[in-house]
Amino acid sequence: MDLALAAAVAPTTMAAERTVAVAPPLASLLPEGGLVRGRTLACEGLAAPSLALSLVAEAGRAGAWLAVLDLPWLGVEAAVELGVPAERLVRVDAGRPDGSAGNDQRGELWGEVLGAVLDGFDLVVTRVPPRVPATLGRRLQTRLRTRGAVLVLIGDPGPLSPDVTVTSAEVRWEGVGGGHGHLRSRRVGVEAAGRRVPRPRRAELWLPAVGGAVAAAVPEPTVLHPRSTADPVLDTVG
């Protein structure tokens, strides 16, 4: 192969080899069409936990191991409903803070546990606790790149610098009528932005869709209201 051509295609080839697949409805939001090993992605907004789990579900079904770190309120049943295989999910607890006002050990302990988890798992979903020093954030991201894992953050990324931030908004549940029915699906508007995304990318999703998991939502048509036959200007002319 010509050396110039080899140099040109090498970065693309390496990126493809490092890409972790996501569910098809989510692929258009990400610049490489999937999660890239060694990078950080942040999920924010009203549906951030569900969005984070949906992003890692496809990798779990393909055989990747997922660690959920320090998220005691994130239920396994909810993860399974969104497509994460329970046998590929491990919950890890970094400990509890002592509640004192001057306590700064929370971030250090979380960082220590996260560093160890990055050594043994393909994907890690976590949240950044308060008081994490900037130096610790830089060390963790260096370790992430070295180990080739994928870090998915829920909420404020703190001192960590996400490559892509995916924000969920415009949440609307479906299935409940006037005093009857039950919640069946949730329509969510999602936008991806960040230093890896030259222009913001948007998608409409069912998260979860009917029956669970994630599905693309058909854009809702714009309703044009017909103009009134009465001209308000003419009506005021005597």
Protein backbone atom coordinates (compact mmCIF):
# COMPACT_ATOMS: atom_id res chain seq x y z
CA MET A 1 0.00 0.00 0.00
CA ASP A 2 1.19 3.55 -0.73
CA LEU A 3 2.61 5.10 2.46
CA ALA A 4 0.60 8.30 2.06
CA LEU A 5 -2.62 6.31 1.68
CA ALA A 6 -1.75 4.14 4.67
CA ALA A 7 -1.20 7.21 6.83
CA ALA A 8 -4.51 8.67 5.71
CA VAL A 9 -6.63 5.61 6.49
CA ALA A 10 -4.85 4.53 9.69
CA PRO A 11 -6.73 6.87 12.08
CA THR A 12 -10.07 5.83 10.58
CA THR A 13 -9.18 2.14 10.88
CA MET A 14 -8.04 2.52 14.49
CA ALA A 15 -11.19 4.43 15.42
CA ALA A 16 -13.36 1.71 13.89
CA GLU A 17 -11.52 -0.97 15.87
CA ARG A 18 -12.03 1.00 19.10
CA THR A 19 -15.73 1.67 18.56
CA VAL A 20 -18.28 -0.09 20.77
CA ALA A 21 -21.67 -0.59 19.12
CA VAL A 22 -24.81 1.12 20.40
CA ALA A 23 -28.46 0.49 19.58
CA PRO A 24 -29.26 1.76 16.03
CA PRO A 25 -31.58 4.60 17.19
CA LEU A 26 -28.65 6.08 19.15
CA ALA A 27 -25.92 5.69 16.53
CA SER A 28 -26.74 8.92 14.67
CA LEU A 29 -26.07 10.95 17.83
CA LEU A 30 -22.43 9.88 18.08
CA PRO A 31 -19.69 11.02 15.66
CA GLU A 32 -18.25 7.52 15.19
CA GLY A 33 -21.66 5.85 15.26
CA GLY A 34 -20.85 4.23 18.60
CA LEU A 35 -18.96 4.60 21.88
CA VAL A 36 -15.20 4.92 21.49
CA ARG A 37 -12.85 3.16 23.91
CA GLY A 38 -10.79 5.54 26.00
CA ARG A 39 -13.37 8.33 25.88
CA THR A 40 -15.88 9.87 28.27
CA LEU A 41 -19.54 10.53 27.54
CA ALA A 42 -21.86 12.51 29.82
CA CYS A 43 -25.64 12.10 30.00
CA GLU A 44 -27.63 15.03 31.34
CA GLY A 45 -31.26 16.07 31.58
CA LEU A 46 -34.51 14.54 32.73
CA ALA A 47 -33.94 11.07 31.26
CA ALA A 48 -30.17 10.88 31.86
CA PRO A 49 -30.14 7.51 33.74
CA SER A 50 -32.24 5.76 31.09
CA LEU A 51 -30.16 7.30 28.33
CA ALA A 52 -26.93 6.11 29.92
CA LEU A 53 -28.20 2.54 30.26
CA SER A 54 -29.52 2.52 26.70
CA LEU A 55 -26.11 3.62 25.39
CA VAL A 56 -24.33 0.65 26.98
CA ALA A 57 -27.01 -2.01 26.47
CA GLU A 58 -25.92 -3.09 22.99
CA ALA A 59 -22.32 -3.62 24.11
CA GLY A 60 -23.55 -5.79 26.98
CA ARG A 61 -25.57 -7.94 24.60
CA ALA A 62 -22.43 -8.34 22.49
CA GLY A 63 -20.51 -9.71 25.50
CA ALA A 64 -18.97 -6.61 27.12
CA TRP A 65 -18.88 -6.27 30.90
CA LEU A 66 -20.57 -3.26 32.52
CA ALA A 67 -19.91 -1.80 35.96
CA VAL A 68 -22.44 0.52 37.60
CA LEU A 69 -20.44 2.46 40.18
CA ASP A 70 -21.94 4.24 43.17
CA LEU A 71 -25.50 4.49 41.85
CA PRO A 72 -27.57 2.75 44.54
CA TRP A 73 -30.84 4.18 43.16
CA LEU A 74 -30.26 2.72 39.69
CA GLY A 75 -32.24 -0.51 39.68
CA VAL A 76 -31.16 -3.70 37.92
CA GLU A 77 -34.74 -4.24 36.73
CA ALA A 78 -34.73 -0.86 35.03
CA ALA A 79 -31.42 -1.71 33.35
CA VAL A 80 -32.77 -5.04 32.11
CA GLU A 81 -35.91 -3.35 30.78
CA LEU A 82 -33.70 -1.06 28.71
CA GLY A 83 -31.83 -4.02 27.22
CA VAL A 84 -28.83 -4.49 29.54
CA PRO A 85 -28.23 -8.23 30.21
CA ALA A 86 -28.25 -8.77 33.98
CA GLU A 87 -25.48 -11.37 33.75
CA ARG A 88 -23.13 -8.72 32.30
CA LEU A 89 -23.85 -6.04 34.92
CA VAL A 90 -21.94 -5.65 38.20
CA ARG A 91 -22.88 -3.08 40.85
CA VAL A 92 -19.97 -1.50 42.75
CA ASP A 93 -20.26 0.69 45.85
CA ALA A 94 -17.48 3.20 46.57
CA GLY A 95 -18.61 3.67 50.16
CA ARG A 96 -20.64 6.31 51.98
CA PRO A 97 -19.52 9.78 53.06
CA ASP A 98 -19.44 10.50 56.80
CA GLY A 99 -21.57 13.60 56.31
CA SER A 100 -19.09 16.05 57.86
CA ALA A 101 -18.87 19.47 56.25
CA GLY A 102 -15.11 19.27 55.75
CA ASN A 103 -15.09 15.77 54.32
CA ASP A 104 -13.12 15.61 51.09
CA GLN A 105 -12.39 11.89 51.11
CA ARG A 106 -15.49 11.06 49.10
CA GLY A 107 -13.94 12.07 45.79
CA GLU A 108 -10.63 10.38 46.58
CA LEU A 109 -12.31 7.09 47.52
CA TRP A 110 -14.57 7.20 44.47
CA GLY A 111 -11.57 7.93 42.24
CA GLU A 112 -9.61 5.03 43.73
CA VAL A 113 -12.47 2.60 43.14
CA LEU A 114 -13.15 3.96 39.64
CA GLY A 115 -9.48 3.51 38.73
CA ALA A 116 -9.65 -0.14 39.78
CA VAL A 117 -12.95 -0.69 37.94
CA LEU A 118 -11.52 0.74 34.72
CA ASP A 119 -8.90 -2.01 34.80
CA GLY A 120 -11.45 -4.81 34.67
CA PHE A 121 -14.56 -3.60 32.80
CA ASP A 122 -15.31 -2.55 29.25
CA LEU A 123 -17.85 0.10 30.25
CA VAL A 124 -18.47 2.00 33.47
CA VAL A 125 -21.57 4.04 34.33
CA THR A 126 -21.23 6.35 37.32
CA ARG A 127 -21.82 9.85 38.64
CA VAL A 128 -19.14 12.27 39.80
CA PRO A 129 -19.43 13.07 43.52
CA PRO A 130 -18.80 16.56 44.94
CA ARG A 131 -15.33 17.79 45.73
CA VAL A 132 -13.42 15.76 43.18
CA PRO A 133 -10.08 17.54 42.63
CA ALA A 134 -9.16 18.55 39.10
CA THR A 135 -5.88 16.64 39.37
CA LEU A 136 -7.79 13.44 40.17
CA GLY A 137 -10.07 14.01 37.18
CA ARG A 138 -7.06 14.31 34.87
CA ARG A 139 -5.47 11.15 36.29
CA LEU A 140 -8.67 9.19 35.83
CA GLN A 141 -9.05 10.25 32.20
CA THR A 142 -5.44 9.33 31.50
CA ARG A 143 -6.08 5.90 33.00
CA LEU A 144 -9.27 5.60 30.96
CA ARG A 145 -7.39 6.20 27.71
CA THR A 146 -4.66 3.75 28.71
CA ARG A 147 -7.07 0.96 29.64
CA GLY A 148 -9.41 1.52 26.69
CA ALA A 149 -12.65 1.42 28.65
CA VAL A 150 -15.71 3.63 28.05
CA LEU A 151 -16.83 5.95 30.84
CA VAL A 152 -20.47 7.09 30.87
CA LEU A 153 -21.33 9.78 33.42
CA ILE A 154 -24.79 10.66 34.71
CA GLY A 155 -25.29 14.32 35.59
CA ASP A 156 -22.63 16.97 36.19
CA PRO A 157 -19.23 15.68 34.96
CA GLY A 158 -17.35 17.84 37.47
CA PRO A 159 -13.64 18.10 36.62
CA LEU A 160 -13.84 15.34 34.02
CA SER A 161 -14.00 16.55 30.44
CA PRO A 162 -16.55 14.62 28.33
CA ASP A 163 -15.84 14.05 24.66
CA VAL A 164 -19.59 14.08 23.99
CA THR A 165 -22.49 15.32 26.13
CA VAL A 166 -25.92 13.88 25.41
CA THR A 167 -28.79 15.90 26.87
CA SER A 168 -32.37 14.68 27.19
CA ALA A 169 -35.26 17.12 27.21
CA GLU A 170 -38.86 17.46 26.05
CA VAL A 171 -39.94 14.37 27.98
CA ARG A 172 -43.54 13.18 27.51
CA TRP A 173 -45.07 9.94 28.76
CA GLU A 174 -47.68 8.08 26.72
CA GLY A 175 -50.42 5.70 27.77
CA VAL A 176 -52.35 7.56 30.47
CA GLY A 177 -55.71 9.02 29.53
CA GLY A 178 -58.22 10.99 31.56
CA GLY A 179 -58.01 9.07 34.83
CA HIS A 180 -57.27 5.68 33.28
CA GLY A 181 -54.52 3.63 31.65
CA HIS A 182 -50.87 3.20 32.61
CA LEU A 183 -47.50 4.55 31.48
CA ARG A 184 -46.38 2.58 28.42
CA SER A 185 -43.65 4.62 26.73
CA ARG A 186 -41.79 7.91 27.00
CA ARG A 187 -40.95 10.22 24.14
CA VAL A 188 -37.67 12.10 24.63
CA GLY A 189 -35.93 14.74 22.55
CA VAL A 190 -32.15 14.21 22.70
CA GLU A 191 -29.24 16.40 21.61
CA ALA A 192 -25.56 15.46 21.41
CA ALA A 193 -22.85 18.13 21.53
CA GLY A 194 -19.24 18.54 22.59
CA ARG A 195 -15.72 18.85 21.29
CA ARG A 196 -16.08 15.66 19.23
CA VAL A 197 -19.32 16.88 17.65
CA PRO A 198 -18.78 19.77 15.18
CA ARG A 199 -22.50 20.47 15.04
CA PRO A 200 -25.16 19.44 17.57
CA ARG A 201 -27.01 16.27 16.61
CA ARG A 202 -30.64 15.68 17.50
CA ALA A 203 -32.94 12.69 17.66
CA GLU A 204 -36.45 11.84 18.84
CA LEU A 205 -36.56 8.61 20.83
CA TRP A 206 -38.95 6.34 22.67
CA LEU A 207 -37.08 5.77 25.95
CA PRO A 208 -38.38 3.33 26.91
CA ALA A 209 -40.44 2.20 23.97
CA VAL A 210 -43.51 0.00 24.40
CA GLY A 211 -42.09 -3.27 25.72
CA GLY A 212 -38.83 -1.67 26.87
CA ALA A 213 -35.48 -0.76 25.27
CA VAL A 214 -35.06 2.25 22.98
CA ALA A 215 -36.62 3.00 19.60
CA ALA A 216 -36.61 5.86 17.12
CA ALA A 217 -39.67 8.09 17.26
CA VAL A 218 -41.22 9.40 14.08
CA PRO A 219 -41.01 13.21 14.08
CA GLU A 220 -44.36 14.71 14.87
CA PRO A 221 -45.92 16.64 11.98
CA THR A 222 -46.24 20.37 12.29
CA VAL A 223 -49.88 21.37 12.64
CA LEU A 224 -50.78 24.43 10.61
CA HIS A 225 -53.90 26.14 11.88
CA PRO A 226 -56.05 27.55 9.06
CA ARG A 227 -56.49 31.26 9.03
CA SER A 228 -59.82 32.60 10.15
CA THR A 229 -62.17 33.71 7.38
CA ALA A 230 -62.73 36.93 9.30
CA ASP A 231 -60.04 39.55 8.86
CA PRO A 232 -59.52 41.22 12.25
CA VAL A 233 -58.30 44.38 10.56
CA LEU A 234 -61.35 44.67 8.28
CA ASP A 235 -63.68 43.87 11.16
CA THR A 236 -62.48 46.94 13.03
CA VAL A 237 -63.20 49.25 10.10
CA GLY A 238 -66.60 50.87 10.51
